Amino acid sequence: MTQKNPRNKFPRITLITPSFNQGTFIEKTIQSVLSQKYPNLEYIILDGGSQDETLQILQKYKRKIRYVSKKDSGQSNAINQGIRNTSGKIIGYLNSDDYLEKDALYNIAVFFMKEKHIMWVTGKCHIVDSTGQEVRKLITVYKNSFLKFFRHRWAFYIVQYISQPATFWRRSIVDKIGLFDENLHYDMDFDYWIRIWKKYPLGFLDTYLASYRVHPFSKAVSSPETQFQTSSKILEKHIHSRLILFLHMIHDMLALRLYRLFPAK
């Protein structure tokens, strides 16, 4: 009797990594994905034409990953290229300086297989520095408290408590709301989550799925003012509540002061 392929037991997950000159960190990212040993994975790296050691690292893993290295028009464009050219029923993207936690993909797959009515889900996420040491633990606790007790779209407008590397969605969502806004070079995930949440409630997986790395060369750390300005403009596009916009602005101002007190290393 022919045995069933074990890959068919699990939904196909497409994981996309946009990359540009992240040779310092990208091997850790790749290893965190491959070490999952998830049996039905499609992993593609969209590199924007890196000039550092990134290509040598990608070549090293060429039998286990798909990658393209060519100039693109930014992170959102790279993510969209990945979505267009992949076939997974579940999609996520992992930046080239972040990494997955153990069994993250299995946990995501099992969640979606059990919760068939849930269209997207997020989990908890560590914040680490350039050496991989956990930092900003109070911020992590703060975000986790919203995920557990105040998981509401209006609260998310004020506090961006969804961690991008720990968030996955069903591919059918793309047919409903489209791709990422390629005009955005900061907070494209914030915009995308708002667009999804207008149609579908957010699922929550109470476990750590990923680690988000803060370091002096990351966009969010090197230009926090630009990021916060962008998030305000995104919110203005989606809602018209002056109260929510005001509370969002106050929260961003406080967050900016906090980040300046505890800079990335």
Protein backbone atom coordinates (compact mmCIF):
# COMPACT_ATOMS: atom_id res chain seq x y z
CA MET A 1 0.00 0.00 0.00
CA THR A 2 1.32 3.47 -0.90
CA GLN A 3 2.02 5.67 2.10
CA LYS A 4 0.81 9.24 2.09
CA ASN A 5 3.40 11.96 1.76
CA PRO A 6 3.83 13.47 5.26
CA ARG A 7 4.02 16.91 3.64
CA ASN A 8 0.34 16.63 2.78
CA LYS A 9 -0.57 16.52 6.46
CA PHE A 10 0.45 20.14 6.84
CA PRO A 11 -0.61 23.22 4.83
CA ARG A 12 2.00 24.76 2.59
CA ILE A 13 3.55 27.81 4.25
CA THR A 14 5.21 30.50 2.18
CA LEU A 15 7.77 32.53 4.09
CA ILE A 16 9.29 35.58 2.38
CA THR A 17 12.46 37.39 3.43
CA PRO A 18 13.18 40.81 1.88
CA SER A 19 16.87 41.56 2.13
CA PHE A 20 19.43 44.24 1.39
CA ASN A 21 22.99 44.30 2.76
CA GLN A 22 22.17 42.27 5.87
CA GLY A 23 25.06 39.85 5.63
CA THR A 24 25.73 40.26 9.35
CA PHE A 25 22.39 38.75 10.33
CA ILE A 26 20.80 36.92 7.40
CA GLU A 27 22.45 33.55 8.04
CA LYS A 28 20.85 33.44 11.49
CA THR A 29 17.52 34.24 9.83
CA ILE A 30 17.91 31.43 7.28
CA GLN A 31 19.02 28.91 9.89
CA SER A 32 16.06 29.75 12.11
CA VAL A 33 13.73 28.90 9.21
CA LEU A 34 15.46 25.74 8.00
CA SER A 35 15.94 24.37 11.52
CA GLN A 36 12.15 24.27 11.89
CA LYS A 37 12.22 21.22 9.59
CA TYR A 38 8.69 22.07 8.55
CA PRO A 39 7.81 19.53 5.83
CA ASN A 40 5.76 21.77 3.52
CA LEU A 41 7.69 25.03 3.39
CA GLU A 42 8.30 27.39 0.52
CA TYR A 43 11.04 29.83 1.55
CA ILE A 44 12.07 32.60 -0.82
CA ILE A 45 14.52 35.42 -0.24
CA LEU A 46 14.13 38.58 -2.31
CA ASP A 47 17.46 40.38 -2.18
CA GLY A 48 17.67 43.91 -3.52
CA GLY A 49 21.15 43.51 -5.00
CA SER A 50 23.28 43.42 -1.86
CA GLN A 51 26.93 44.45 -2.09
CA ASP A 52 28.10 42.75 1.11
CA GLU A 53 28.52 39.05 1.92
CA THR A 54 24.78 38.32 1.56
CA LEU A 55 25.08 36.63 -1.85
CA GLN A 56 27.78 34.26 -0.65
CA ILE A 57 25.54 33.24 2.23
CA LEU A 58 22.54 32.75 -0.06
CA GLN A 59 24.63 30.63 -2.41
CA LYS A 60 25.62 28.45 0.53
CA TYR A 61 21.94 27.53 1.10
CA LYS A 62 20.84 27.44 -2.56
CA ARG A 63 19.64 23.82 -2.38
CA LYS A 64 17.31 24.56 0.52
CA ILE A 65 15.94 28.00 -0.36
CA ARG A 66 14.85 30.00 -3.39
CA TYR A 67 16.40 33.39 -3.84
CA VAL A 68 16.51 36.23 -6.32
CA SER A 69 19.04 39.04 -6.17
CA LYS A 70 18.23 42.11 -8.23
CA LYS A 71 17.46 45.74 -7.65
CA ASP A 72 13.94 46.42 -6.41
CA SER A 73 12.04 49.52 -5.36
CA GLY A 74 12.02 48.77 -1.67
CA GLN A 75 10.89 46.36 1.01
CA SER A 76 7.18 46.44 0.10
CA ASN A 77 8.00 45.73 -3.54
CA ALA A 78 10.16 42.75 -2.53
CA ILE A 79 7.43 41.32 -0.31
CA ASN A 80 4.87 41.68 -3.09
CA GLN A 81 7.18 39.94 -5.56
CA GLY A 82 7.36 37.04 -3.14
CA ILE A 83 3.60 36.85 -2.67
CA ARG A 84 2.99 36.92 -6.43
CA ASN A 85 5.47 34.13 -7.13
CA THR A 86 4.73 31.69 -4.34
CA SER A 87 2.03 29.11 -3.73
CA GLY A 88 1.59 28.67 0.02
CA LYS A 89 -1.85 28.63 1.61
CA ILE A 90 -0.37 30.48 4.60
CA ILE A 91 1.92 33.49 4.18
CA GLY A 92 4.31 35.36 6.42
CA TYR A 93 7.38 37.49 5.97
CA LEU A 94 10.53 37.55 8.04
CA ASN A 95 13.00 40.40 7.71
CA SER A 96 16.64 39.50 7.16
CA ASP A 97 17.71 40.56 10.66
CA ASP A 98 14.90 38.80 12.54
CA TYR A 99 14.44 35.09 13.24
CA LEU A 100 11.87 32.45 14.11
CA GLU A 101 11.64 30.70 17.45
CA LYS A 102 11.63 26.90 17.73
CA ASP A 103 8.56 25.13 16.29
CA ALA A 104 7.01 28.41 15.15
CA LEU A 105 5.89 27.05 11.77
CA TYR A 106 4.40 23.89 13.26
CA ASN A 107 2.51 26.00 15.80
CA ILE A 108 1.16 28.23 13.05
CA ALA A 109 0.13 25.26 10.89
CA VAL A 110 -1.67 23.50 13.74
CA PHE A 111 -3.46 26.71 14.69
CA PHE A 112 -4.79 27.27 11.18
CA MET A 113 -5.79 23.62 10.81
CA LYS A 114 -7.82 23.78 14.04
CA GLU A 115 -9.18 27.31 13.72
CA LYS A 116 -10.57 27.10 10.21
CA HIS A 117 -12.61 30.29 10.59
CA ILE A 118 -9.59 32.43 11.55
CA MET A 119 -7.97 34.20 8.60
CA TRP A 120 -4.89 35.66 10.29
CA VAL A 121 -3.03 35.18 13.52
CA THR A 122 -0.26 36.75 15.54
CA GLY A 123 1.85 35.47 18.41
CA LYS A 124 4.30 36.84 20.92
CA CYS A 125 7.70 38.17 19.89
CA HIS A 126 10.95 38.79 21.75
CA ILE A 127 12.99 41.94 21.13
CA VAL A 128 16.72 41.27 20.83
CA ASP A 129 19.82 43.34 20.15
CA SER A 130 22.56 42.83 17.57
CA THR A 131 24.08 40.00 19.66
CA GLY A 132 20.77 38.18 20.14
CA GLN A 133 20.36 39.22 23.78
CA GLU A 134 16.80 40.02 24.80
CA VAL A 135 16.22 43.73 25.42
CA ARG A 136 13.28 46.05 26.10
CA LYS A 137 11.52 43.37 28.11
CA LEU A 138 9.00 45.81 29.55
CA ILE A 139 7.92 46.75 26.02
CA THR A 140 7.40 43.06 25.27
CA VAL A 141 5.28 42.65 28.42
CA TYR A 142 3.33 45.77 27.45
CA LYS A 143 2.54 44.45 23.96
CA ASN A 144 1.70 40.99 25.27
CA SER A 145 -0.82 42.47 27.70
CA PHE A 146 -2.70 44.04 24.81
CA LEU A 147 -2.62 40.79 22.86
CA LYS A 148 -4.07 38.88 25.80
CA PHE A 149 -6.53 41.34 27.29
CA PHE A 150 -7.16 44.29 24.93
CA ARG A 151 -7.06 42.70 21.50
CA HIS A 152 -9.31 45.17 19.73
CA ARG A 153 -8.87 47.03 16.45
CA TRP A 154 -9.37 50.44 18.05
CA ALA A 155 -6.72 49.74 20.66
CA PHE A 156 -4.35 48.72 17.87
CA TYR A 157 -4.87 52.10 16.20
CA ILE A 158 -3.31 53.68 19.29
CA VAL A 159 -0.74 51.02 20.26
CA GLN A 160 0.92 48.98 17.52
CA TYR A 161 1.13 45.79 19.53
CA ILE A 162 1.18 43.31 16.62
CA SER A 163 4.73 42.07 15.94
CA GLN A 164 5.28 41.62 12.21
CA PRO A 165 7.62 38.57 12.29
CA ALA A 166 5.11 36.70 14.47
CA THR A 167 2.14 37.31 12.15
CA PHE A 168 0.79 34.98 9.44
CA TRP A 169 -2.30 35.05 7.22
CA ARG A 170 -4.19 32.85 4.79
CA ARG A 171 -3.41 33.45 1.15
CA SER A 172 -7.09 33.98 0.37
CA ILE A 173 -6.82 37.31 2.22
CA VAL A 174 -4.67 38.63 -0.63
CA ASP A 175 -7.57 38.11 -3.04
CA LYS A 176 -9.74 40.29 -0.80
CA ILE A 177 -7.47 43.17 0.19
CA GLY A 178 -4.57 43.01 -2.28
CA LEU A 179 -0.84 43.40 -1.73
CA PHE A 180 1.31 45.69 0.40
CA ASP A 181 1.35 49.40 -0.47
CA GLU A 182 4.60 49.88 -2.37
CA ASN A 183 4.58 53.61 -1.66
CA LEU A 184 5.31 52.79 1.97
CA HIS A 185 8.91 52.21 3.07
CA TYR A 186 8.09 52.30 6.79
CA ASP A 187 5.21 50.66 8.65
CA MET A 188 3.86 48.86 5.59
CA ASP A 189 2.84 46.10 7.99
CA PHE A 190 0.80 48.55 10.12
CA ASP A 191 -1.13 49.56 7.02
CA TYR A 192 -1.64 45.94 5.97
CA TRP A 193 -2.85 44.82 9.40
CA ILE A 194 -5.39 47.64 9.49
CA ARG A 195 -6.67 46.65 6.07
CA ILE A 196 -7.03 43.00 7.12
CA TRP A 197 -8.62 43.81 10.47
CA LYS A 198 -11.36 45.83 8.81
CA LYS A 199 -12.61 42.53 7.37
CA TYR A 200 -11.37 39.75 9.66
CA PRO A 201 -10.91 39.42 13.45
CA LEU A 202 -7.37 38.78 14.66
CA GLY A 203 -6.43 35.37 16.05
CA PHE A 204 -3.88 35.05 18.85
CA LEU A 205 -1.42 32.25 19.55
CA ASP A 206 -0.15 32.53 23.12
CA THR A 207 3.44 31.49 22.46
CA TYR A 208 6.65 33.10 21.22
CA LEU A 209 6.94 32.70 17.46
CA ALA A 210 9.80 35.04 16.56
CA SER A 211 12.43 37.50 17.68
CA TYR A 212 12.59 41.04 16.34
CA ARG A 213 16.08 42.52 16.22
CA VAL A 214 16.84 46.15 17.02
CA HIS A 215 20.27 47.43 16.06
CA PRO A 216 21.77 50.79 15.04
CA PHE A 217 21.45 50.09 11.30
CA SER A 218 17.82 48.97 11.20
CA LYS A 219 15.36 51.40 9.61
CA ALA A 220 13.17 51.61 12.68
CA VAL A 221 16.12 52.50 14.91
CA SER A 222 18.03 54.82 12.58
CA SER A 223 14.94 56.87 11.62
CA PRO A 224 12.32 56.51 14.39
CA GLU A 225 10.87 59.98 13.74
CA THR A 226 10.20 59.09 10.10
CA GLN A 227 8.58 55.84 11.13
CA PHE A 228 6.25 57.53 13.61
CA GLN A 229 5.34 60.23 11.08
CA THR A 230 4.51 57.52 8.56
CA SER A 231 2.32 55.61 11.01
CA SER A 232 0.33 58.78 11.72
CA LYS A 233 -0.26 59.38 8.00
CA ILE A 234 -1.32 55.75 7.56
CA LEU A 235 -3.82 56.06 10.38
CA GLU A 236 -5.23 59.31 8.99
CA LYS A 237 -5.88 57.47 5.72
CA HIS A 238 -7.95 54.80 7.44
CA ILE A 239 -9.89 56.58 10.19
CA HIS A 240 -11.31 60.03 10.92
CA SER A 241 -11.61 59.94 14.70
CA ARG A 242 -9.74 62.94 16.11
CA LEU A 243 -9.61 61.29 19.52
CA ILE A 244 -7.94 58.14 18.21
CA LEU A 245 -5.50 60.16 16.10
CA PHE A 246 -4.62 62.29 19.14
CA LEU A 247 -4.10 59.28 21.41
CA HIS A 248 -1.97 57.62 18.72
CA MET A 249 0.19 60.76 18.47
CA ILE A 250 0.64 60.96 22.26
CA HIS A 251 1.58 57.28 22.43
CA ASP A 252 4.13 57.70 19.64
CA MET A 253 5.70 60.70 21.39
CA LEU A 254 6.09 58.71 24.61
CA ALA A 255 7.48 55.72 22.72
CA LEU A 256 10.01 57.91 20.93
CA ARG A 257 11.26 59.28 24.25
CA LEU A 258 11.52 55.78 25.65
CA TYR A 259 13.53 54.53 22.65
CA ARG A 260 15.91 57.46 23.05
CA LEU A 261 16.44 56.54 26.69
CA PHE A 262 17.23 52.93 25.72
CA PRO A 263 19.00 53.10 22.34
CA ALA A 264 19.75 49.96 20.34
CA LYS A 265 23.24 48.49 20.56
